[in-house]
Amino acid sequence: MDIAKVNILGQAVKTNDEMVSLTDLWKANGGGEKKKPRRWLEAESVQDLIKALAKKEGVRKSSLLKVKKGVGTYGHWQLALAFAKWLSPEMHMAANAVFRGYVNADPGMAMEESAIFTTGAATEKGRVTPALSF
């Protein structure tokens, strides 16, 4: 398993096969205690999503989420997109743009799409507030 990185909101986000670093997404969004991956994982709706995804994929729930102390939290790419949506509207749009580029088999487009959200980024109250330019 090779670790690759994608750029989301100016932050390198590690990926490993179908797993994405939720910790890196959290950092790219500006961090903050209230938005840590473990807080998101406490929600019943998230546990329902993990259960449904495990059933659909025919795998154990534990294979969709890996938490390693000192390393971070990795989740299946579908969980990563749901987490990005929970983090902020800006992170949601940026993560979806990168995903769209890869679905279209154009990683270059993914990076260009992500750059739209990072151009002129500023921090407001510990949170990334990108300048959107459509």
N, C-alpha and C. Protein backbone atom coordinates (compact mmCIF):
# COMPACT_ATOMS: atom_id res chain seq x y z
N MET A 1 0.84 -1.18 0.00
CA MET A 1 0.00 0.00 0.00
C MET A 1 0.88 1.25 0.00
N ASP A 2 0.75 2.03 -1.02
CA ASP A 2 1.52 3.26 -1.14
C ASP A 2 0.71 4.44 -0.63
N ILE A 3 1.40 5.32 0.08
CA ILE A 3 0.75 6.53 0.55
C ILE A 3 0.96 7.61 -0.49
N ALA A 4 -0.13 8.20 -0.94
CA ALA A 4 -0.09 9.30 -1.89
C ALA A 4 -0.67 10.53 -1.19
N LYS A 5 -0.45 11.69 -1.77
CA LYS A 5 -0.99 12.91 -1.19
C LYS A 5 -1.74 13.69 -2.25
N VAL A 6 -2.84 14.30 -1.82
CA VAL A 6 -3.57 15.23 -2.67
C VAL A 6 -3.60 16.56 -1.93
N ASN A 7 -3.73 17.62 -2.67
CA ASN A 7 -3.74 18.96 -2.08
C ASN A 7 -5.19 19.43 -1.95
N ILE A 8 -5.60 19.69 -0.73
CA ILE A 8 -6.95 20.21 -0.48
C ILE A 8 -6.81 21.42 0.42
N LEU A 9 -7.28 22.55 -0.04
CA LEU A 9 -7.17 23.81 0.69
C LEU A 9 -5.74 24.11 1.12
N GLY A 10 -4.81 23.79 0.22
CA GLY A 10 -3.41 24.10 0.48
C GLY A 10 -2.71 23.15 1.43
N GLN A 11 -3.37 22.08 1.81
CA GLN A 11 -2.80 21.11 2.75
C GLN A 11 -2.62 19.77 2.04
N ALA A 12 -1.46 19.16 2.25
CA ALA A 12 -1.25 17.81 1.73
C ALA A 12 -2.07 16.84 2.57
N VAL A 13 -2.95 16.11 1.90
CA VAL A 13 -3.83 15.14 2.56
C VAL A 13 -3.40 13.75 2.10
N LYS A 14 -2.98 12.93 3.06
CA LYS A 14 -2.50 11.59 2.73
C LYS A 14 -3.67 10.67 2.38
N THR A 15 -3.42 9.82 1.39
CA THR A 15 -4.37 8.79 0.99
C THR A 15 -3.62 7.47 0.91
N ASN A 16 -4.33 6.39 1.11
CA ASN A 16 -3.74 5.06 1.07
C ASN A 16 -4.81 4.12 0.53
N ASP A 17 -4.69 3.75 -0.73
CA ASP A 17 -5.72 2.98 -1.40
C ASP A 17 -7.04 3.75 -1.32
N GLU A 18 -8.05 3.20 -0.67
CA GLU A 18 -9.35 3.88 -0.58
C GLU A 18 -9.49 4.67 0.71
N MET A 19 -8.41 4.78 1.48
CA MET A 19 -8.44 5.48 2.75
C MET A 19 -7.85 6.88 2.61
N VAL A 20 -8.44 7.82 3.35
CA VAL A 20 -8.02 9.22 3.32
C VAL A 20 -7.80 9.67 4.77
N SER A 21 -6.78 10.48 4.98
CA SER A 21 -6.50 10.97 6.32
C SER A 21 -7.53 12.02 6.73
N LEU A 22 -8.39 11.65 7.67
CA LEU A 22 -9.36 12.60 8.21
C LEU A 22 -8.64 13.66 9.04
N THR A 23 -7.54 13.27 9.64
CA THR A 23 -6.74 14.21 10.42
C THR A 23 -6.19 15.31 9.53
N ASP A 24 -5.71 14.95 8.35
CA ASP A 24 -5.20 15.97 7.41
C ASP A 24 -6.31 16.88 6.93
N LEU A 25 -7.50 16.33 6.68
CA LEU A 25 -8.63 17.17 6.27
C LEU A 25 -8.97 18.17 7.37
N TRP A 26 -8.97 17.69 8.61
CA TRP A 26 -9.24 18.54 9.76
C TRP A 26 -8.21 19.67 9.85
N LYS A 27 -6.94 19.33 9.68
CA LYS A 27 -5.88 20.34 9.71
C LYS A 27 -6.04 21.35 8.58
N ALA A 28 -6.38 20.86 7.39
CA ALA A 28 -6.57 21.76 6.24
C ALA A 28 -7.71 22.73 6.48
N ASN A 29 -8.66 22.33 7.28
CA ASN A 29 -9.81 23.19 7.59
C ASN A 29 -9.51 24.17 8.72
N GLY A 30 -8.31 24.09 9.27
CA GLY A 30 -7.92 25.03 10.32
C GLY A 30 -7.89 24.43 11.71
N GLY A 31 -8.16 23.12 11.81
CA GLY A 31 -8.11 22.46 13.12
C GLY A 31 -9.24 22.89 14.02
N GLY A 32 -8.97 22.93 15.28
CA GLY A 32 -10.00 23.30 16.27
C GLY A 32 -10.57 22.08 16.96
N GLU A 33 -10.69 22.16 18.26
CA GLU A 33 -11.16 21.04 19.08
C GLU A 33 -12.55 20.53 18.67
N LYS A 34 -13.44 21.45 18.35
CA LYS A 34 -14.83 21.07 18.06
C LYS A 34 -14.97 20.27 16.76
N LYS A 35 -13.98 20.35 15.89
CA LYS A 35 -14.09 19.68 14.59
C LYS A 35 -13.13 18.50 14.42
N LYS A 36 -12.56 18.01 15.52
CA LYS A 36 -11.67 16.85 15.43
C LYS A 36 -12.45 15.64 14.90
N PRO A 37 -11.74 14.74 14.19
CA PRO A 37 -12.42 13.55 13.68
C PRO A 37 -13.18 12.77 14.74
N ARG A 38 -12.64 12.66 15.94
CA ARG A 38 -13.33 11.88 16.97
C ARG A 38 -14.67 12.50 17.35
N ARG A 39 -14.79 13.80 17.25
CA ARG A 39 -16.08 14.47 17.54
C ARG A 39 -17.11 14.07 16.48
N TRP A 40 -16.68 14.05 15.23
CA TRP A 40 -17.57 13.67 14.14
C TRP A 40 -18.01 12.21 14.30
N LEU A 41 -17.08 11.37 14.70
CA LEU A 41 -17.37 9.95 14.84
C LEU A 41 -18.35 9.64 15.97
N GLU A 42 -18.55 10.58 16.88
CA GLU A 42 -19.48 10.39 17.99
C GLU A 42 -20.95 10.46 17.55
N ALA A 43 -21.20 11.05 16.40
CA ALA A 43 -22.58 11.25 15.94
C ALA A 43 -23.22 9.92 15.52
N GLU A 44 -24.45 9.72 15.94
CA GLU A 44 -25.19 8.51 15.58
C GLU A 44 -25.34 8.38 14.07
N SER A 45 -25.56 9.50 13.39
CA SER A 45 -25.72 9.45 11.93
C SER A 45 -24.44 8.96 11.25
N VAL A 46 -23.30 9.28 11.80
CA VAL A 46 -22.02 8.83 11.24
C VAL A 46 -21.87 7.33 11.47
N GLN A 47 -22.24 6.87 12.64
CA GLN A 47 -22.18 5.43 12.91
C GLN A 47 -23.13 4.67 11.99
N ASP A 48 -24.28 5.26 11.69
CA ASP A 48 -25.23 4.66 10.74
C ASP A 48 -24.61 4.59 9.34
N LEU A 49 -23.90 5.67 8.95
CA LEU A 49 -23.23 5.70 7.65
C LEU A 49 -22.17 4.61 7.57
N ILE A 50 -21.37 4.48 8.61
CA ILE A 50 -20.32 3.46 8.63
C ILE A 50 -20.93 2.07 8.52
N LYS A 51 -22.00 1.84 9.25
CA LYS A 51 -22.68 0.54 9.21
C LYS A 51 -23.23 0.25 7.80
N ALA A 52 -23.88 1.24 7.20
CA ALA A 52 -24.44 1.06 5.85
C ALA A 52 -23.34 0.83 4.82
N LEU A 53 -22.25 1.57 4.94
CA LEU A 53 -21.14 1.42 3.99
C LEU A 53 -20.49 0.04 4.14
N ALA A 54 -20.34 -0.42 5.37
CA ALA A 54 -19.77 -1.75 5.60
C ALA A 54 -20.65 -2.83 4.96
N LYS A 55 -21.95 -2.68 5.11
CA LYS A 55 -22.88 -3.64 4.52
C LYS A 55 -22.78 -3.61 2.99
N LYS A 56 -22.77 -2.41 2.42
CA LYS A 56 -22.68 -2.27 0.96
C LYS A 56 -21.39 -2.87 0.42
N GLU A 57 -20.28 -2.60 1.11
CA GLU A 57 -18.96 -3.06 0.65
C GLU A 57 -18.69 -4.52 1.03
N GLY A 58 -19.52 -5.07 1.93
CA GLY A 58 -19.32 -6.45 2.37
C GLY A 58 -18.07 -6.62 3.22
N VAL A 59 -17.80 -5.61 4.06
CA VAL A 59 -16.62 -5.64 4.92
C VAL A 59 -17.01 -5.33 6.37
N ARG A 60 -16.08 -5.55 7.26
CA ARG A 60 -16.29 -5.17 8.66
C ARG A 60 -16.17 -3.65 8.79
N LYS A 61 -16.88 -3.10 9.73
CA LYS A 61 -16.80 -1.65 9.98
C LYS A 61 -15.37 -1.23 10.28
N SER A 62 -14.64 -2.08 10.97
CA SER A 62 -13.27 -1.75 11.36
C SER A 62 -12.34 -1.55 10.15
N SER A 63 -12.70 -2.10 9.00
CA SER A 63 -11.85 -1.93 7.82
C SER A 63 -12.09 -0.58 7.13
N LEU A 64 -13.13 0.13 7.54
CA LEU A 64 -13.46 1.42 6.93
C LEU A 64 -12.89 2.60 7.70
N LEU A 65 -12.35 2.33 8.87
CA LEU A 65 -11.87 3.40 9.73
C LEU A 65 -10.67 2.89 10.53
N LYS A 66 -9.57 3.62 10.44
CA LYS A 66 -8.35 3.24 11.18
C LYS A 66 -7.90 4.42 12.01
N VAL A 67 -7.81 4.22 13.30
CA VAL A 67 -7.34 5.26 14.22
C VAL A 67 -6.04 4.77 14.84
N LYS A 68 -4.96 5.52 14.59
CA LYS A 68 -3.66 5.15 15.14
C LYS A 68 -3.11 6.32 15.92
N LYS A 69 -2.91 6.11 17.20
CA LYS A 69 -2.39 7.16 18.06
C LYS A 69 -1.04 7.64 17.53
N GLY A 70 -0.90 8.94 17.41
CA GLY A 70 0.34 9.52 16.92
C GLY A 70 0.43 9.58 15.41
N VAL A 71 -0.47 8.90 14.71
CA VAL A 71 -0.48 8.88 13.24
C VAL A 71 -1.69 9.64 12.71
N GLY A 72 -2.86 9.35 13.27
CA GLY A 72 -4.07 10.02 12.85
C GLY A 72 -5.19 9.05 12.54
N THR A 73 -6.27 9.62 12.03
CA THR A 73 -7.46 8.86 11.69
C THR A 73 -7.61 8.79 10.19
N TYR A 74 -7.75 7.60 9.66
CA TYR A 74 -7.98 7.38 8.23
C TYR A 74 -9.37 6.78 8.07
N GLY A 75 -10.08 7.24 7.04
CA GLY A 75 -11.38 6.69 6.75
C GLY A 75 -11.54 6.40 5.26
N HIS A 76 -12.43 5.50 4.95
CA HIS A 76 -12.79 5.20 3.56
C HIS A 76 -13.11 6.51 2.86
N TRP A 77 -12.87 6.58 1.57
CA TRP A 77 -13.05 7.85 0.85
C TRP A 77 -14.47 8.38 0.98
N GLN A 78 -15.48 7.50 1.08
CA GLN A 78 -16.85 8.00 1.24
C GLN A 78 -17.04 8.64 2.61
N LEU A 79 -16.38 8.09 3.61
CA LEU A 79 -16.43 8.71 4.94
C LEU A 79 -15.69 10.05 4.92
N ALA A 80 -14.58 10.10 4.19
CA ALA A 80 -13.81 11.34 4.09
C ALA A 80 -14.65 12.46 3.47
N LEU A 81 -15.42 12.14 2.44
CA LEU A 81 -16.27 13.16 1.82
C LEU A 81 -17.36 13.62 2.78
N ALA A 82 -17.92 12.70 3.55
CA ALA A 82 -18.93 13.07 4.54
C ALA A 82 -18.31 13.93 5.64
N PHE A 83 -17.10 13.59 6.06
CA PHE A 83 -16.40 14.36 7.07
C PHE A 83 -16.10 15.77 6.55
N ALA A 84 -15.66 15.86 5.31
CA ALA A 84 -15.37 17.17 4.71
C ALA A 84 -16.61 18.06 4.71
N LYS A 85 -17.76 17.46 4.43
CA LYS A 85 -19.02 18.22 4.45
C LYS A 85 -19.31 18.74 5.85
N TRP A 86 -19.06 17.93 6.85
CA TRP A 86 -19.30 18.31 8.24
C TRP A 86 -18.35 19.42 8.70
N LEU A 87 -17.12 19.39 8.18
CA LEU A 87 -16.13 20.38 8.61
C LEU A 87 -16.52 21.80 8.25
N SER A 88 -16.88 22.03 6.99
CA SER A 88 -17.26 23.38 6.56
C SER A 88 -17.72 23.34 5.11
N PRO A 89 -18.51 24.32 4.69
CA PRO A 89 -18.92 24.38 3.28
C PRO A 89 -17.71 24.48 2.34
N GLU A 90 -16.68 25.23 2.75
CA GLU A 90 -15.50 25.39 1.90
C GLU A 90 -14.76 24.07 1.73
N MET A 91 -14.60 23.33 2.84
CA MET A 91 -13.93 22.03 2.76
C MET A 91 -14.75 21.05 1.93
N HIS A 92 -16.06 21.10 2.11
CA HIS A 92 -16.96 20.24 1.34
C HIS A 92 -16.76 20.46 -0.16
N MET A 93 -16.78 21.72 -0.57
CA MET A 93 -16.63 22.03 -2.00
C MET A 93 -15.24 21.66 -2.51
N ALA A 94 -14.20 21.95 -1.74
CA ALA A 94 -12.84 21.65 -2.17
C ALA A 94 -12.62 20.14 -2.30
N ALA A 95 -13.06 19.36 -1.32
CA ALA A 95 -12.90 17.91 -1.38
C ALA A 95 -13.69 17.32 -2.55
N ASN A 96 -14.89 17.81 -2.77
CA ASN A 96 -15.68 17.32 -3.90
C ASN A 96 -15.03 17.67 -5.23
N ALA A 97 -14.40 18.84 -5.31
CA ALA A 97 -13.73 19.23 -6.55
C ALA A 97 -12.55 18.30 -6.85
N VAL A 98 -11.79 17.96 -5.82
CA VAL A 98 -10.66 17.04 -6.01
C VAL A 98 -11.19 15.66 -6.41
N PHE A 99 -12.21 15.19 -5.73
CA PHE A 99 -12.81 13.90 -6.05
C PHE A 99 -13.30 13.88 -7.50
N ARG A 100 -13.94 14.96 -7.91
CA ARG A 100 -14.45 15.06 -9.30
C ARG A 100 -13.32 14.92 -10.30
N GLY A 101 -12.20 15.55 -10.03
CA GLY A 101 -11.06 15.43 -10.93
C GLY A 101 -10.56 14.01 -11.06
N TYR A 102 -10.54 13.28 -9.96
CA TYR A 102 -10.09 11.90 -10.02
C TYR A 102 -11.12 10.99 -10.67
N VAL A 103 -12.38 11.26 -10.46
CA VAL A 103 -13.42 10.47 -11.11
C VAL A 103 -13.33 10.65 -12.62
N ASN A 104 -13.01 11.85 -13.03
CA ASN A 104 -12.86 12.14 -14.46
C ASN A 104 -11.48 11.72 -14.97
N ALA A 105 -10.71 11.02 -14.13
CA ALA A 105 -9.37 10.54 -14.49
C ALA A 105 -8.47 11.69 -14.91
N ASP A 106 -8.61 12.82 -14.22
CA ASP A 106 -7.80 13.99 -14.53
C ASP A 106 -7.30 14.61 -13.23
N PRO A 107 -6.26 14.01 -12.61
CA PRO A 107 -5.73 14.57 -11.37
C PRO A 107 -5.30 16.02 -11.51
N GLY A 108 -4.85 16.42 -12.68
CA GLY A 108 -4.48 17.82 -12.91
C GLY A 108 -5.67 18.73 -12.72
N MET A 109 -6.84 18.31 -13.22
CA MET A 109 -8.05 19.09 -13.03
C MET A 109 -8.39 19.15 -11.55
N ALA A 110 -8.16 18.04 -10.85
CA ALA A 110 -8.45 18.02 -9.42
C ALA A 110 -7.63 19.08 -8.70
N MET A 111 -6.35 19.19 -9.04
CA MET A 111 -5.50 20.18 -8.39
C MET A 111 -5.92 21.59 -8.77
N GLU A 112 -6.29 21.80 -10.04
CA GLU A 112 -6.76 23.12 -10.48
C GLU A 112 -8.05 23.50 -9.75
N GLU A 113 -8.96 22.55 -9.63
CA GLU A 113 -10.22 22.81 -8.93
C GLU A 113 -9.96 23.16 -7.47
N SER A 114 -9.05 22.43 -6.83
CA SER A 114 -8.73 22.70 -5.43
C SER A 114 -8.10 24.08 -5.29
N ALA A 115 -7.29 24.48 -6.25
CA ALA A 115 -6.62 25.78 -6.19
C ALA A 115 -7.63 26.92 -6.19
N ILE A 116 -8.77 26.73 -6.81
CA ILE A 116 -9.82 27.75 -6.82
C ILE A 116 -10.18 28.11 -5.39
N PHE A 117 -10.19 27.11 -4.52
CA PHE A 117 -10.62 27.31 -3.15
C PHE A 117 -9.50 27.80 -2.25
N THR A 118 -8.24 27.70 -2.69
CA THR A 118 -7.14 28.11 -1.83
C THR A 118 -6.56 29.46 -2.22
N THR A 119 -6.88 29.97 -3.38
CA THR A 119 -6.34 31.25 -3.81
C THR A 119 -6.82 32.35 -2.87
N GLY A 120 -5.87 33.03 -2.30
CA GLY A 120 -6.22 34.12 -1.39
C GLY A 120 -6.81 33.66 -0.08
N ALA A 121 -6.53 32.42 0.32
CA ALA A 121 -7.11 31.91 1.57
C ALA A 121 -6.66 32.76 2.76
N ALA A 122 -7.56 32.94 3.68
CA ALA A 122 -7.27 33.68 4.91
C ALA A 122 -7.80 32.87 6.08
N THR A 123 -7.28 33.14 7.24
CA THR A 123 -7.76 32.43 8.43
C THR A 123 -8.64 33.36 9.23
N GLU A 124 -9.79 32.85 9.61
CA GLU A 124 -10.74 33.61 10.40
C GLU A 124 -11.15 32.75 11.59
N LYS A 125 -10.83 33.21 12.79
CA LYS A 125 -11.16 32.47 14.01
C LYS A 125 -10.68 31.03 13.95
N GLY A 126 -9.43 30.84 13.48
CA GLY A 126 -8.83 29.49 13.45
C GLY A 126 -9.38 28.60 12.37
N ARG A 127 -10.07 29.15 11.42
CA ARG A 127 -10.69 28.34 10.37
C ARG A 127 -10.29 28.90 9.01
N VAL A 128 -10.02 28.05 8.06
CA VAL A 128 -9.65 28.51 6.73
C VAL A 128 -10.86 29.10 6.04
N THR A 129 -10.69 30.31 5.53
CA THR A 129 -11.76 30.97 4.79
C THR A 129 -11.24 31.29 3.40
N PRO A 130 -11.39 30.38 2.44
CA PRO A 130 -10.82 30.62 1.12
C PRO A 130 -11.60 31.65 0.31
N ALA A 131 -10.89 32.27 -0.60
CA ALA A 131 -11.55 33.18 -1.54
C ALA A 131 -12.06 32.34 -2.70
N LEU A 132 -13.34 32.32 -2.89
CA LEU A 132 -13.92 31.53 -3.96
C LEU A 132 -13.98 32.37 -5.22
N SER A 133 -13.50 31.78 -6.33
CA SER A 133 -13.55 32.52 -7.58
C SER A 133 -14.06 31.60 -8.68
N PHE A 134 -15.28 31.79 -9.04
CA PHE A 134 -15.89 30.97 -10.06
C PHE A 134 -15.95 31.73 -11.37
